[in-house]
Protein backbone atom coordinates (compact mmCIF):
# COMPACT_ATOMS: atom_id res chain seq x y z
CA UNK A 1 -31.63 -35.67 -50.69
CA UNK A 2 -27.84 -36.08 -51.23
CA UNK A 3 -25.76 -33.04 -51.78
CA UNK A 4 -22.14 -31.65 -51.37
CA UNK A 5 -21.19 -29.45 -48.47
CA UNK A 6 -18.45 -26.87 -49.49
CA UNK A 7 -16.36 -25.32 -46.88
CA UNK A 8 -13.09 -23.21 -47.67
CA UNK A 9 -10.92 -21.81 -45.19
CA UNK A 10 -9.57 -17.70 -45.42
CA UNK A 11 -7.52 -15.66 -43.26
CA UNK A 12 -9.93 -12.32 -42.85
CA UNK A 13 -6.56 -10.62 -44.72
CA UNK A 14 -6.38 -12.76 -47.70
CA UNK A 15 -7.05 -10.84 -50.68
CA UNK A 16 -8.04 -12.13 -54.58
CA UNK A 17 -5.47 -11.56 -57.28
CA UNK A 18 -7.07 -11.80 -60.55
CA UNK A 19 -7.68 -10.01 -63.52
CA UNK A 20 -10.91 -8.63 -62.48
CA UNK A 21 -11.42 -7.05 -58.94
CA UNK A 22 -7.95 -7.90 -57.85
CA UNK A 23 -7.42 -7.09 -53.93
CA UNK A 24 -10.78 -7.89 -52.83
CA UNK A 25 -11.25 -10.19 -49.78
CA UNK A 26 -10.90 -13.41 -50.99
CA UNK A 27 -14.15 -14.84 -49.17
CA UNK A 28 -15.66 -12.07 -51.10
CA UNK A 29 -14.63 -13.22 -54.59
CA UNK A 30 -15.74 -16.77 -54.02
CA UNK A 31 -18.98 -15.59 -52.81
CA UNK A 32 -19.67 -13.19 -55.97
CA UNK A 33 -18.33 -16.65 -57.76
CA UNK A 34 -20.99 -18.59 -56.26
CA UNK A 35 -23.64 -15.93 -57.16
CA UNK A 36 -22.92 -15.37 -60.39
CA UNK A 37 -22.92 -18.97 -61.47
CA UNK A 38 -26.23 -19.59 -59.71
CA UNK A 39 -25.60 -21.57 -56.62
CA UNK A 40 -28.47 -21.57 -54.34
CA UNK A 41 -26.58 -19.90 -51.33
CA UNK A 42 -23.60 -19.35 -49.25
CA UNK A 43 -22.83 -18.59 -45.87
CA UNK A 44 -19.45 -16.59 -44.74
CA UNK A 45 -18.64 -17.36 -40.93
CA UNK A 46 -16.12 -15.12 -39.34
CA UNK A 47 -14.16 -16.98 -36.68
CA UNK A 48 -13.22 -15.68 -32.80
CA UNK A 49 -10.11 -17.72 -32.79
CA UNK A 50 -7.99 -20.15 -34.95
CA UNK A 51 -4.49 -20.79 -36.37
CA UNK A 52 -3.91 -22.94 -39.55
CA UNK A 53 -0.52 -24.61 -40.78
CA UNK A 54 1.74 -21.70 -39.84
CA UNK A 55 0.69 -22.05 -36.25
CA UNK A 56 -0.07 -18.38 -35.40
CA UNK A 57 -3.20 -18.15 -33.53
CA UNK A 58 -5.61 -15.24 -34.33
CA UNK A 59 -7.73 -14.13 -32.20
CA UNK A 60 -10.57 -11.52 -31.90
CA UNK A 61 -9.40 -11.22 -27.87
CA UNK A 62 -9.81 -7.82 -26.40
CA UNK A 63 -6.65 -7.79 -24.86
CA UNK A 64 -5.16 -9.15 -28.14
CA UNK A 65 -6.71 -7.29 -31.14
CA UNK A 66 -6.25 -9.48 -34.80
CA UNK A 67 -7.02 -8.17 -38.40
CA UNK A 68 -6.52 -11.96 -39.58
CA UNK A 69 -9.58 -13.71 -38.15
CA UNK A 70 -10.49 -17.02 -39.31
CA UNK A 71 -13.35 -17.18 -42.25
CA UNK A 72 -15.14 -19.92 -43.39
CA UNK A 73 -17.26 -20.06 -46.41
CA UNK A 74 -19.95 -22.86 -46.56
CA UNK A 75 -21.64 -24.08 -49.73
CA UNK A 76 -24.66 -26.90 -49.52
CA UNK A 77 -25.46 -27.81 -53.28
CA UNK A 78 -25.95 -30.25 -55.47
CA UNK A 79 -23.11 -32.00 -57.35
CA UNK A 80 -24.54 -31.49 -60.82
CA UNK A 81 -24.74 -27.46 -59.91
CA UNK A 82 -21.21 -27.25 -57.73
CA UNK A 83 -19.06 -29.49 -59.90
CA UNK A 84 -19.02 -27.25 -63.33
CA UNK A 85 -18.02 -24.05 -61.34
CA UNK A 86 -15.25 -25.75 -58.72
CA UNK A 87 -12.45 -24.97 -61.76
CA UNK A 88 -13.11 -20.90 -61.15
CA UNK A 89 -13.74 -21.27 -57.58
CA UNK A 90 -10.24 -23.15 -57.29
CA UNK A 91 -8.68 -20.81 -59.24
CA UNK A 92 -10.01 -17.84 -56.77
CA UNK A 93 -8.48 -19.61 -53.52
CA UNK A 94 -5.38 -20.62 -54.84
CA UNK A 95 -3.45 -22.35 -51.85
CA UNK A 96 -6.36 -22.17 -49.06
CA UNK A 97 -7.56 -25.43 -47.79
CA UNK A 98 -11.01 -26.20 -49.66
CA UNK A 99 -13.40 -29.53 -48.49
CA UNK A 100 -15.84 -31.17 -50.63
CA UNK A 101 -18.03 -33.49 -48.70
CA UNK A 102 -20.70 -35.69 -49.02
CA UNK A 103 -24.06 -34.75 -46.98
CA UNK A 104 -27.57 -35.55 -46.81
CA UNK A 105 -30.38 -32.98 -46.61
CA UNK A 106 -33.03 -34.01 -43.70
CA UNK A 107 -34.99 -30.78 -43.96
CA UNK A 108 -34.66 -27.26 -46.13
CA UNK A 109 -36.71 -25.16 -47.69
CA UNK A 110 -34.97 -25.54 -51.26
CA UNK A 111 -34.31 -29.09 -51.32
CA UNK A 112 -38.02 -29.93 -49.22
CA UNK A 113 -39.63 -31.21 -52.43
CA UNK A 114 -36.71 -33.54 -53.30
CA UNK A 115 -36.48 -34.96 -49.38
């Protein structure tokens, strides 16, 4: 089954600054939006090391504690269900890196009957 793979990259310290729940971690605001809009599922990954456009290294090393580790929110969903909420998601993430890719589900509980 053809689906979309959505990935949104954050720093752990990124905050959502909107009308509601201002100051909430941005990744949490994204997950709440996805859940509220009936998206099948989302996973939040916390990285152990990484850097972004500003080339500042963030690491979970014991010798160098960081409070801004990389965070990735990943979603697999049909285009028909994902596209309508993209404007709301983009409003939450502002300038973060957002990737939307074509993917194919080979196995999976939710998509099993369609494969």
